[in-house]
ModelCIF file with pLDDT and N, C-alpha, C, O atoms, coordinates in Angstrom:
data_MODEL
#
_entry.id   MODEL 
#
_entity.id                         1 
_entity.type                       polymer 
_entity.pdbx_number_of_molecules   1 
#
_entity_poly.entity_id                      1 
_entity_poly.type                           'polypeptide(L)' 
_entity_poly.nstd_linkage                   no 
_entity_poly.nstd_monomer                   no 
_entity_poly.pdbx_seq_one_letter_code       AFGFTVGRRIGPGAVELLGAGVPLYLLQKAAGTPVSAASSARRDYG 
_entity_poly.pdbx_seq_one_letter_code_can   AFGFTVGRRIGPGAVELLGAGVPLYLLQKAAGTPVSAASSARRDYG 
_entity_poly.pdbx_strand_id                 A 
#
loop_
_entity_poly_seq.entity_id 
_entity_poly_seq.num 
_entity_poly_seq.mon_id 
_entity_poly_seq.hetero 
1 1  ALA n 
1 2  PHE n 
1 3  GLY n 
1 4  PHE n 
1 5  THR n 
1 6  VAL n 
1 7  GLY n 
1 8  ARG n 
1 9  ARG n 
1 10 ILE n 
1 11 GLY n 
1 12 PRO n 
1 13 GLY n 
1 14 ALA n 
1 15 VAL n 
1 16 GLU n 
1 17 LEU n 
1 18 LEU n 
1 19 GLY n 
1 20 ALA n 
1 21 GLY n 
1 22 VAL n 
1 23 PRO n 
1 24 LEU n 
1 25 TYR n 
1 26 LEU n 
1 27 LEU n 
1 28 GLN n 
1 29 LYS n 
1 30 ALA n 
1 31 ALA n 
1 32 GLY n 
1 33 THR n 
1 34 PRO n 
1 35 VAL n 
1 36 SER n 
1 37 ALA n 
1 38 ALA n 
1 39 SER n 
1 40 SER n 
1 41 ALA n 
1 42 ARG n 
1 43 ARG n 
1 44 ASP n 
1 45 TYR n 
1 46 GLY n 
#
_struct_asym.id          A 
_struct_asym.entity_id   1 
#
loop_
_ma_qa_metric.id 
_ma_qa_metric.mode 
_ma_qa_metric.name 
_ma_qa_metric.software_group_id 
_ma_qa_metric.type 
1 global pLDDT . pLDDT 
2 local  pLDDT . pLDDT 
#
_ma_qa_metric_global.metric_id      1 
_ma_qa_metric_global.metric_value   95.35 
_ma_qa_metric_global.model_id       1 
_ma_qa_metric_global.ordinal_id     1 
#
loop_
_ma_qa_metric_local.label_asym_id 
_ma_qa_metric_local.label_comp_id 
_ma_qa_metric_local.label_seq_id 
_ma_qa_metric_local.metric_id 
_ma_qa_metric_local.metric_value 
_ma_qa_metric_local.model_id 
_ma_qa_metric_local.ordinal_id 
A ALA 1  2 96.00 1 1  
A PHE 2  2 96.00 1 2  
A GLY 3  2 96.00 1 3  
A PHE 4  2 97.00 1 4  
A THR 5  2 98.00 1 5  
A VAL 6  2 98.00 1 6  
A GLY 7  2 98.00 1 7  
A ARG 8  2 97.00 1 8  
A ARG 9  2 96.00 1 9  
A ILE 10 2 95.00 1 10 
A GLY 11 2 91.00 1 11 
A PRO 12 2 91.00 1 12 
A GLY 13 2 96.00 1 13 
A ALA 14 2 98.00 1 14 
A VAL 15 2 98.00 1 15 
A GLU 16 2 98.00 1 16 
A LEU 17 2 98.00 1 17 
A LEU 18 2 98.00 1 18 
A GLY 19 2 95.00 1 19 
A ALA 20 2 89.00 1 20 
A GLY 21 2 91.00 1 21 
A VAL 22 2 94.00 1 22 
A PRO 23 2 96.00 1 23 
A LEU 24 2 97.00 1 24 
A TYR 25 2 98.00 1 25 
A LEU 26 2 98.00 1 26 
A LEU 27 2 97.00 1 27 
A GLN 28 2 97.00 1 28 
A LYS 29 2 97.00 1 29 
A ALA 30 2 96.00 1 30 
A ALA 31 2 96.00 1 31 
A GLY 32 2 96.00 1 32 
A THR 33 2 95.00 1 33 
A PRO 34 2 95.00 1 34 
A VAL 35 2 92.00 1 35 
A SER 36 2 92.00 1 36 
A ALA 37 2 94.00 1 37 
A ALA 38 2 96.00 1 38 
A SER 39 2 93.00 1 39 
A SER 40 2 93.00 1 40 
A ALA 41 2 92.00 1 41 
A ARG 42 2 95.00 1 42 
A ARG 43 2 94.00 1 43 
A ASP 44 2 94.00 1 44 
A TYR 45 2 95.00 1 45 
A GLY 46 2 94.00 1 46 
#
loop_
_atom_site.group_PDB 
_atom_site.id 
_atom_site.type_symbol 
_atom_site.label_atom_id 
_atom_site.label_alt_id 
_atom_site.label_comp_id 
_atom_site.label_asym_id 
_atom_site.label_entity_id 
_atom_site.label_seq_id 
_atom_site.pdbx_PDB_ins_code 
_atom_site.Cartn_x 
_atom_site.Cartn_y 
_atom_site.Cartn_z 
_atom_site.occupancy 
_atom_site.B_iso_or_equiv 
_atom_site.pdbx_formal_charge 
_atom_site.auth_seq_id 
_atom_site.auth_comp_id 
_atom_site.auth_asym_id 
_atom_site.auth_atom_id 
_atom_site.pdbx_PDB_model_num 
ATOM 1   N N  . ALA A 1 1  ? -12.553 26.186 -11.392 1.00 96.00 ? 1  ALA A N  1 
ATOM 2   C CA . ALA A 1 1  ? -11.180 26.357 -10.900 1.00 96.00 ? 1  ALA A CA 1 
ATOM 3   C C  . ALA A 1 1  ? -10.165 25.619 -11.760 1.00 96.00 ? 1  ALA A C  1 
ATOM 4   O O  . ALA A 1 1  ? -9.079  26.142 -12.010 1.00 96.00 ? 1  ALA A O  1 
ATOM 5   N N  . PHE A 1 2  ? -10.499 24.405 -12.223 1.00 96.00 ? 2  PHE A N  1 
ATOM 6   C CA . PHE A 1 2  ? -9.503  23.572 -12.880 1.00 96.00 ? 2  PHE A CA 1 
ATOM 7   C C  . PHE A 1 2  ? -9.854  23.172 -14.307 1.00 96.00 ? 2  PHE A C  1 
ATOM 8   O O  . PHE A 1 2  ? -9.042  22.532 -14.975 1.00 96.00 ? 2  PHE A O  1 
ATOM 9   N N  . GLY A 1 3  ? -11.028 23.526 -14.788 1.00 96.00 ? 3  GLY A N  1 
ATOM 10  C CA . GLY A 1 3  ? -11.379 23.250 -16.172 1.00 96.00 ? 3  GLY A CA 1 
ATOM 11  C C  . GLY A 1 3  ? -11.878 21.843 -16.455 1.00 96.00 ? 3  GLY A C  1 
ATOM 12  O O  . GLY A 1 3  ? -11.939 21.433 -17.614 1.00 96.00 ? 3  GLY A O  1 
ATOM 13  N N  . PHE A 1 4  ? -12.240 21.090 -15.406 1.00 97.00 ? 4  PHE A N  1 
ATOM 14  C CA . PHE A 1 4  ? -12.818 19.774 -15.657 1.00 97.00 ? 4  PHE A CA 1 
ATOM 15  C C  . PHE A 1 4  ? -14.156 19.953 -16.363 1.00 97.00 ? 4  PHE A C  1 
ATOM 16  O O  . PHE A 1 4  ? -14.775 21.013 -16.272 1.00 97.00 ? 4  PHE A O  1 
ATOM 17  N N  . THR A 1 5  ? -14.595 18.927 -17.058 1.00 98.00 ? 5  THR A N  1 
ATOM 18  C CA . THR A 1 5  ? -15.892 18.969 -17.729 1.00 98.00 ? 5  THR A CA 1 
ATOM 19  C C  . THR A 1 5  ? -16.786 17.877 -17.166 1.00 98.00 ? 5  THR A C  1 
ATOM 20  O O  . THR A 1 5  ? -16.313 16.843 -16.694 1.00 98.00 ? 5  THR A O  1 
ATOM 21  N N  . VAL A 1 6  ? -18.093 18.129 -17.226 1.00 98.00 ? 6  VAL A N  1 
ATOM 22  C CA . VAL A 1 6  ? -19.054 17.156 -16.716 1.00 98.00 ? 6  VAL A CA 1 
ATOM 23  C C  . VAL A 1 6  ? -19.178 16.017 -17.714 1.00 98.00 ? 6  VAL A C  1 
ATOM 24  O O  . VAL A 1 6  ? -19.397 16.239 -18.904 1.00 98.00 ? 6  VAL A O  1 
ATOM 25  N N  . GLY A 1 7  ? -19.036 14.796 -17.217 1.00 98.00 ? 7  GLY A N  1 
ATOM 26  C CA . GLY A 1 7  ? -19.253 13.606 -18.018 1.00 98.00 ? 7  GLY A CA 1 
ATOM 27  C C  . GLY A 1 7  ? -20.693 13.159 -17.852 1.00 98.00 ? 7  GLY A C  1 
ATOM 28  O O  . GLY A 1 7  ? -21.561 13.510 -18.652 1.00 98.00 ? 7  GLY A O  1 
ATOM 29  N N  . ARG A 1 8  ? -20.939 12.384 -16.810 1.00 97.00 ? 8  ARG A N  1 
ATOM 30  C CA . ARG A 1 8  ? -22.291 11.871 -16.556 1.00 97.00 ? 8  ARG A CA 1 
ATOM 31  C C  . ARG A 1 8  ? -22.792 12.337 -15.194 1.00 97.00 ? 8  ARG A C  1 
ATOM 32  O O  . ARG A 1 8  ? -22.020 12.569 -14.263 1.00 97.00 ? 8  ARG A O  1 
ATOM 33  N N  . ARG A 1 9  ? -24.093 12.462 -15.117 1.00 96.00 ? 9  ARG A N  1 
ATOM 34  C CA . ARG A 1 9  ? -24.754 12.666 -13.826 1.00 96.00 ? 9  ARG A CA 1 
ATOM 35  C C  . ARG A 1 9  ? -25.302 11.308 -13.427 1.00 96.00 ? 9  ARG A C  1 
ATOM 36  O O  . ARG A 1 9  ? -26.035 10.675 -14.187 1.00 96.00 ? 9  ARG A O  1 
ATOM 37  N N  . ILE A 1 10 ? -24.948 10.873 -12.248 1.00 95.00 ? 10 ILE A N  1 
ATOM 38  C CA . ILE A 1 10 ? -25.332 9.544  -11.790 1.00 95.00 ? 10 ILE A CA 1 
ATOM 39  C C  . ILE A 1 10 ? -26.310 9.731  -10.642 1.00 95.00 ? 10 ILE A C  1 
ATOM 40  O O  . ILE A 1 10 ? -25.950 9.605  -9.472  1.00 95.00 ? 10 ILE A O  1 
ATOM 41  N N  . GLY A 1 11 ? -27.546 10.032 -10.993 1.00 91.00 ? 11 GLY A N  1 
ATOM 42  C CA . GLY A 1 11 ? -28.545 10.330 -9.978  1.00 91.00 ? 11 GLY A CA 1 
ATOM 43  C C  . GLY A 1 11 ? -28.350 11.732 -9.442  1.00 91.00 ? 11 GLY A C  1 
ATOM 44  O O  . GLY A 1 11 ? -27.499 12.477 -9.930  1.00 91.00 ? 11 GLY A O  1 
ATOM 45  N N  . PRO A 1 12 ? -29.136 12.095 -8.438  1.00 91.00 ? 12 PRO A N  1 
ATOM 46  C CA . PRO A 1 12 ? -29.068 13.469 -7.927  1.00 91.00 ? 12 PRO A CA 1 
ATOM 47  C C  . PRO A 1 12 ? -27.850 13.750 -7.050  1.00 91.00 ? 12 PRO A C  1 
ATOM 48  O O  . PRO A 1 12 ? -27.547 14.912 -6.778  1.00 91.00 ? 12 PRO A O  1 
ATOM 49  N N  . GLY A 1 13 ? -27.147 12.707 -6.603  1.00 96.00 ? 13 GLY A N  1 
ATOM 50  C CA . GLY A 1 13 ? -26.066 12.932 -5.660  1.00 96.00 ? 13 GLY A CA 1 
ATOM 51  C C  . GLY A 1 13 ? -24.689 12.563 -6.149  1.00 96.00 ? 13 GLY A C  1 
ATOM 52  O O  . GLY A 1 13 ? -23.780 12.366 -5.343  1.00 96.00 ? 13 GLY A O  1 
ATOM 53  N N  . ALA A 1 14 ? -24.514 12.463 -7.457  1.00 98.00 ? 14 ALA A N  1 
ATOM 54  C CA . ALA A 1 14 ? -23.187 12.112 -7.977  1.00 98.00 ? 14 ALA A CA 1 
ATOM 55  C C  . ALA A 1 14 ? -23.013 12.677 -9.376  1.00 98.00 ? 14 ALA A C  1 
ATOM 56  O O  . ALA A 1 14 ? -23.942 12.692 -10.184 1.00 98.00 ? 14 ALA A O  1 
ATOM 57  N N  . VAL A 1 15 ? -21.801 13.141 -9.639  1.00 98.00 ? 15 VAL A N  1 
ATOM 58  C CA . VAL A 1 15 ? -21.466 13.643 -10.969 1.00 98.00 ? 15 VAL A CA 1 
ATOM 59  C C  . VAL A 1 15 ? -20.057 13.183 -11.314 1.00 98.00 ? 15 VAL A C  1 
ATOM 60  O O  . VAL A 1 15 ? -19.174 13.152 -10.457 1.00 98.00 ? 15 VAL A O  1 
ATOM 61  N N  . GLU A 1 16 ? -19.859 12.832 -12.562 1.00 98.00 ? 16 GLU A N  1 
ATOM 62  C CA . GLU A 1 16 ? -18.556 12.426 -13.077 1.00 98.00 ? 16 GLU A CA 1 
ATOM 63  C C  . GLU A 1 16 ? -17.925 13.633 -13.765 1.00 98.00 ? 16 GLU A C  1 
ATOM 64  O O  . GLU A 1 16 ? -18.547 14.275 -14.611 1.00 98.00 ? 16 GLU A O  1 
ATOM 65  N N  . LEU A 1 17 ? -16.688 13.932 -13.393 1.00 98.00 ? 17 LEU A N  1 
ATOM 66  C CA . LEU A 1 17 ? -15.941 14.995 -14.047 1.00 98.00 ? 17 LEU A CA 1 
ATOM 67  C C  . LEU A 1 17 ? -14.810 14.376 -14.853 1.00 98.00 ? 17 LEU A C  1 
ATOM 68  O O  . LEU A 1 17 ? -14.173 13.418 -14.416 1.00 98.00 ? 17 LEU A O  1 
ATOM 69  N N  . LEU A 1 18 ? -14.570 14.926 -16.023 1.00 98.00 ? 18 LEU A N  1 
ATOM 70  C CA . LEU A 1 18 ? -13.553 14.418 -16.932 1.00 98.00 ? 18 LEU A CA 1 
ATOM 71  C C  . LEU A 1 18 ? -12.486 15.486 -17.181 1.00 98.00 ? 18 LEU A C  1 
ATOM 72  O O  . LEU A 1 18 ? -12.692 16.668 -16.905 1.00 98.00 ? 18 LEU A O  1 
ATOM 73  N N  . GLY A 1 19 ? -11.351 15.044 -17.704 1.00 95.00 ? 19 GLY A N  1 
ATOM 74  C CA . GLY A 1 19 ? -10.290 15.968 -18.074 1.00 95.00 ? 19 GLY A CA 1 
ATOM 75  C C  . GLY A 1 19 ? -9.047  15.823 -17.222 1.00 95.00 ? 19 GLY A C  1 
ATOM 76  O O  . GLY A 1 19 ? -8.093  16.583 -17.389 1.00 95.00 ? 19 GLY A O  1 
ATOM 77  N N  . ALA A 1 20 ? -9.037  14.860 -16.308 1.00 89.00 ? 20 ALA A N  1 
ATOM 78  C CA . ALA A 1 20 ? -7.892  14.698 -15.419 1.00 89.00 ? 20 ALA A CA 1 
ATOM 79  C C  . ALA A 1 20 ? -7.092  13.431 -15.708 1.00 89.00 ? 20 ALA A C  1 
ATOM 80  O O  . ALA A 1 20 ? -6.180  13.092 -14.953 1.00 89.00 ? 20 ALA A O  1 
ATOM 81  N N  . GLY A 1 21 ? -7.421  12.730 -16.787 1.00 91.00 ? 21 GLY A N  1 
ATOM 82  C CA . GLY A 1 21 ? -6.745  11.474 -17.072 1.00 91.00 ? 21 GLY A CA 1 
ATOM 83  C C  . GLY A 1 21 ? -7.445  10.278 -16.458 1.00 91.00 ? 21 GLY A C  1 
ATOM 84  O O  . GLY A 1 21 ? -7.385  9.176  -17.001 1.00 91.00 ? 21 GLY A O  1 
ATOM 85  N N  . VAL A 1 22 ? -8.105  10.484 -15.337 1.00 94.00 ? 22 VAL A N  1 
ATOM 86  C CA . VAL A 1 22 ? -8.972  9.487  -14.712 1.00 94.00 ? 22 VAL A CA 1 
ATOM 87  C C  . VAL A 1 22 ? -10.271 10.194 -14.351 1.00 94.00 ? 22 VAL A C  1 
ATOM 88  O O  . VAL A 1 22 ? -10.259 11.394 -14.076 1.00 94.00 ? 22 VAL A O  1 
ATOM 89  N N  . PRO A 1 23 ? -11.388 9.477  -14.347 1.00 96.00 ? 23 PRO A N  1 
ATOM 90  C CA . PRO A 1 23 ? -12.638 10.133 -13.953 1.00 96.00 ? 23 PRO A CA 1 
ATOM 91  C C  . PRO A 1 23 ? -12.604 10.546 -12.487 1.00 96.00 ? 23 PRO A C  1 
ATOM 92  O O  . PRO A 1 23 ? -12.091 9.822  -11.634 1.00 96.00 ? 23 PRO A O  1 
ATOM 93  N N  . LEU A 1 24 ? -13.148 11.699 -12.216 1.00 97.00 ? 24 LEU A N  1 
ATOM 94  C CA . LEU A 1 24 ? -13.279 12.220 -10.862 1.00 97.00 ? 24 LEU A CA 1 
ATOM 95  C C  . LEU A 1 24 ? -14.765 12.238 -10.536 1.00 97.00 ? 24 LEU A C  1 
ATOM 96  O O  . LEU A 1 24 ? -15.546 12.893 -11.227 1.00 97.00 ? 24 LEU A O  1 
ATOM 97  N N  . TYR A 1 25 ? -15.160 11.524 -9.489  1.00 98.00 ? 25 TYR A N  1 
ATOM 98  C CA . TYR A 1 25 ? -16.565 11.457 -9.101  1.00 98.00 ? 25 TYR A CA 1 
ATOM 99  C C  . TYR A 1 25 ? -16.777 12.259 -7.829  1.00 98.00 ? 25 TYR A C  1 
ATOM 100 O O  . TYR A 1 25 ? -16.102 12.040 -6.823  1.00 98.00 ? 25 TYR A O  1 
ATOM 101 N N  . LEU A 1 26 ? -17.712 13.179 -7.884  1.00 98.00 ? 26 LEU A N  1 
ATOM 102 C CA . LEU A 1 26 ? -18.127 13.934 -6.706  1.00 98.00 ? 26 LEU A CA 1 
ATOM 103 C C  . LEU A 1 26 ? -19.375 13.257 -6.169  1.00 98.00 ? 26 LEU A C  1 
ATOM 104 O O  . LEU A 1 26 ? -20.363 13.097 -6.887  1.00 98.00 ? 26 LEU A O  1 
ATOM 105 N N  . LEU A 1 27 ? -19.329 12.857 -4.901  1.00 97.00 ? 27 LEU A N  1 
ATOM 106 C CA . LEU A 1 27 ? -20.410 12.098 -4.286  1.00 97.00 ? 27 LEU A CA 1 
ATOM 107 C C  . LEU A 1 27 ? -20.983 12.873 -3.110  1.00 97.00 ? 27 LEU A C  1 
ATOM 108 O O  . LEU A 1 27 ? -20.261 13.211 -2.172  1.00 97.00 ? 27 LEU A O  1 
ATOM 109 N N  . GLN A 1 28 ? -22.262 13.150 -3.160  1.00 97.00 ? 28 GLN A N  1 
ATOM 110 C CA . GLN A 1 28 ? -22.888 13.917 -2.078  1.00 97.00 ? 28 GLN A CA 1 
ATOM 111 C C  . GLN A 1 28 ? -23.059 13.039 -0.851  1.00 97.00 ? 28 GLN A C  1 
ATOM 112 O O  . GLN A 1 28 ? -23.731 12.008 -0.891  1.00 97.00 ? 28 GLN A O  1 
ATOM 113 N N  . LYS A 1 29 ? -22.436 13.468 0.243   1.00 97.00 ? 29 LYS A N  1 
ATOM 114 C CA . LYS A 1 29 ? -22.509 12.782 1.536   1.00 97.00 ? 29 LYS A CA 1 
ATOM 115 C C  . LYS A 1 29 ? -22.612 13.868 2.597   1.00 97.00 ? 29 LYS A C  1 
ATOM 116 O O  . LYS A 1 29 ? -21.735 14.725 2.694   1.00 97.00 ? 29 LYS A O  1 
ATOM 117 N N  . ALA A 1 30 ? -23.647 13.838 3.372   1.00 96.00 ? 30 ALA A N  1 
ATOM 118 C CA . ALA A 1 30 ? -23.882 14.878 4.378   1.00 96.00 ? 30 ALA A CA 1 
ATOM 119 C C  . ALA A 1 30 ? -22.817 14.853 5.469   1.00 96.00 ? 30 ALA A C  1 
ATOM 120 O O  . ALA A 1 30 ? -22.332 13.791 5.860   1.00 96.00 ? 30 ALA A O  1 
ATOM 121 N N  . ALA A 1 31 ? -22.464 16.036 5.949   1.00 96.00 ? 31 ALA A N  1 
ATOM 122 C CA . ALA A 1 31 ? -21.565 16.142 7.095   1.00 96.00 ? 31 ALA A CA 1 
ATOM 123 C C  . ALA A 1 31 ? -22.203 15.414 8.270   1.00 96.00 ? 31 ALA A C  1 
ATOM 124 O O  . ALA A 1 31 ? -23.418 15.465 8.461   1.00 96.00 ? 31 ALA A O  1 
ATOM 125 N N  . GLY A 1 32 ? -21.377 14.742 9.048   1.00 96.00 ? 32 GLY A N  1 
ATOM 126 C CA . GLY A 1 32 ? -21.857 14.033 10.227  1.00 96.00 ? 32 GLY A CA 1 
ATOM 127 C C  . GLY A 1 32 ? -22.296 12.605 9.976   1.00 96.00 ? 32 GLY A C  1 
ATOM 128 O O  . GLY A 1 32 ? -22.545 11.865 10.928  1.00 96.00 ? 32 GLY A O  1 
ATOM 129 N N  . THR A 1 33 ? -22.399 12.197 8.713   1.00 95.00 ? 33 THR A N  1 
ATOM 130 C CA . THR A 1 33 ? -22.796 10.822 8.435   1.00 95.00 ? 33 THR A CA 1 
ATOM 131 C C  . THR A 1 33 ? -21.602 9.898  8.624   1.00 95.00 ? 33 THR A C  1 
ATOM 132 O O  . THR A 1 33 ? -20.458 10.328 8.477   1.00 95.00 ? 33 THR A O  1 
ATOM 133 N N  . PRO A 1 34 ? -21.857 8.625  8.951   1.00 95.00 ? 34 PRO A N  1 
ATOM 134 C CA . PRO A 1 34 ? -20.750 7.680  9.146   1.00 95.00 ? 34 PRO A CA 1 
ATOM 135 C C  . PRO A 1 34 ? -19.951 7.488  7.860   1.00 95.00 ? 34 PRO A C  1 
ATOM 136 O O  . PRO A 1 34 ? -20.518 7.483  6.767   1.00 95.00 ? 34 PRO A O  1 
ATOM 137 N N  . VAL A 1 35 ? -18.637 7.332  7.994   1.00 92.00 ? 35 VAL A N  1 
ATOM 138 C CA . VAL A 1 35 ? -17.807 7.105  6.818   1.00 92.00 ? 35 VAL A CA 1 
ATOM 139 C C  . VAL A 1 35 ? -17.931 5.672  6.320   1.00 92.00 ? 35 VAL A C  1 
ATOM 140 O O  . VAL A 1 35 ? -17.704 5.413  5.138   1.00 92.00 ? 35 VAL A O  1 
ATOM 141 N N  . SER A 1 36 ? -18.285 4.739  7.189   1.00 92.00 ? 36 SER A N  1 
ATOM 142 C CA . SER A 1 36 ? -18.546 3.347  6.800   1.00 92.00 ? 36 SER A CA 1 
ATOM 143 C C  . SER A 1 36 ? -19.273 2.650  7.945   1.00 92.00 ? 36 SER A C  1 
ATOM 144 O O  . SER A 1 36 ? -19.333 3.158  9.064   1.00 92.00 ? 36 SER A O  1 
ATOM 145 N N  . ALA A 1 37 ? -19.820 1.487  7.646   1.00 94.00 ? 37 ALA A N  1 
ATOM 146 C CA . ALA A 1 37 ? -20.518 0.708  8.679   1.00 94.00 ? 37 ALA A CA 1 
ATOM 147 C C  . ALA A 1 37 ? -19.546 0.170  9.725   1.00 94.00 ? 37 ALA A C  1 
ATOM 148 O O  . ALA A 1 37 ? -19.953 -0.132 10.847  1.00 94.00 ? 37 ALA A O  1 
ATOM 149 N N  . ALA A 1 38 ? -18.283 0.049  9.375   1.00 96.00 ? 38 ALA A N  1 
ATOM 150 C CA . ALA A 1 38 ? -17.291 -0.530 10.277  1.00 96.00 ? 38 ALA A CA 1 
ATOM 151 C C  . ALA A 1 38 ? -16.525 0.516  11.089  1.00 96.00 ? 38 ALA A C  1 
ATOM 152 O O  . ALA A 1 38 ? -15.626 0.165  11.854  1.00 96.00 ? 38 ALA A O  1 
ATOM 153 N N  . SER A 1 39 ? -16.866 1.778  10.935  1.00 93.00 ? 39 SER A N  1 
ATOM 154 C CA . SER A 1 39 ? -16.107 2.840  11.597  1.00 93.00 ? 39 SER A CA 1 
ATOM 155 C C  . SER A 1 39 ? -17.040 3.755  12.387  1.00 93.00 ? 39 SER A C  1 
ATOM 156 O O  . SER A 1 39 ? -18.188 3.972  11.998  1.00 93.00 ? 39 SER A O  1 
ATOM 157 N N  . SER A 1 40 ? -16.543 4.280  13.482  1.00 93.00 ? 40 SER A N  1 
ATOM 158 C CA . SER A 1 40 ? -17.314 5.267  14.234  1.00 93.00 ? 40 SER A CA 1 
ATOM 159 C C  . SER A 1 40 ? -17.023 6.691  13.748  1.00 93.00 ? 40 SER A C  1 
ATOM 160 O O  . SER A 1 40 ? -17.637 7.644  14.227  1.00 93.00 ? 40 SER A O  1 
ATOM 161 N N  . ALA A 1 41 ? -16.093 6.840  12.803  1.00 92.00 ? 41 ALA A N  1 
ATOM 162 C CA . ALA A 1 41 ? -15.745 8.161  12.270  1.00 92.00 ? 41 ALA A CA 1 
ATOM 163 C C  . ALA A 1 41 ? -16.923 8.751  11.494  1.00 92.00 ? 41 ALA A C  1 
ATOM 164 O O  . ALA A 1 41 ? -17.708 8.028  10.881  1.00 92.00 ? 41 ALA A O  1 
ATOM 165 N N  . ARG A 1 42 ? -17.024 10.063 11.536  1.00 95.00 ? 42 ARG A N  1 
ATOM 166 C CA . ARG A 1 42 ? -18.081 10.788 10.837  1.00 95.00 ? 42 ARG A CA 1 
ATOM 167 C C  . ARG A 1 42 ? -17.454 11.758 9.850   1.00 95.00 ? 42 ARG A C  1 
ATOM 168 O O  . ARG A 1 42 ? -16.353 12.262 10.069  1.00 95.00 ? 42 ARG A O  1 
ATOM 169 N N  . ARG A 1 43 ? -18.175 12.016 8.749   1.00 94.00 ? 43 ARG A N  1 
ATOM 170 C CA . ARG A 1 43 ? -17.684 12.973 7.755   1.00 94.00 ? 43 ARG A CA 1 
ATOM 171 C C  . ARG A 1 43 ? -17.622 14.362 8.361   1.00 94.00 ? 43 ARG A C  1 
ATOM 172 O O  . ARG A 1 43 ? -18.538 14.810 9.051   1.00 94.00 ? 43 ARG A O  1 
ATOM 173 N N  . ASP A 1 44 ? -16.510 15.029 8.079   1.00 94.00 ? 44 ASP A N  1 
ATOM 174 C CA . ASP A 1 44 ? -16.288 16.391 8.564   1.00 94.00 ? 44 ASP A CA 1 
ATOM 175 C C  . ASP A 1 44 ? -15.648 17.166 7.421   1.00 94.00 ? 44 ASP A C  1 
ATOM 176 O O  . ASP A 1 44 ? -14.595 16.778 6.915   1.00 94.00 ? 44 ASP A O  1 
ATOM 177 N N  . TYR A 1 45 ? -16.271 18.245 7.021   1.00 95.00 ? 45 TYR A N  1 
ATOM 178 C CA . TYR A 1 45 ? -15.771 19.000 5.875   1.00 95.00 ? 45 TYR A CA 1 
ATOM 179 C C  . TYR A 1 45 ? -14.978 20.237 6.263   1.00 95.00 ? 45 TYR A C  1 
ATOM 180 O O  . TYR A 1 45 ? -14.747 21.112 5.428   1.00 95.00 ? 45 TYR A O  1 
ATOM 181 N N  . GLY A 1 46 ? -14.554 20.321 7.530   1.00 94.00 ? 46 GLY A N  1 
ATOM 182 C CA . GLY A 1 46 ? -13.555 21.318 7.889   1.00 94.00 ? 46 GLY A CA 1 
ATOM 183 C C  . GLY A 1 46 ? -12.218 20.850 7.342   1.00 94.00 ? 46 GLY A C  1 
ATOM 184 O O  . GLY A 1 46 ? -11.207 21.530 7.518   1.00 94.00 ? 46 GLY A O  1 
#
């Protein structure tokens, strides 16, 4: 969609994308998992 390029793969659940002036990291996190240990909020991808 935007022409970013893959920089590094950081294990099976993370990838670094380049081309935006700052690195963009995509991090695999399952829906429904807690957003942090201090919060009751859960990830929702709607």
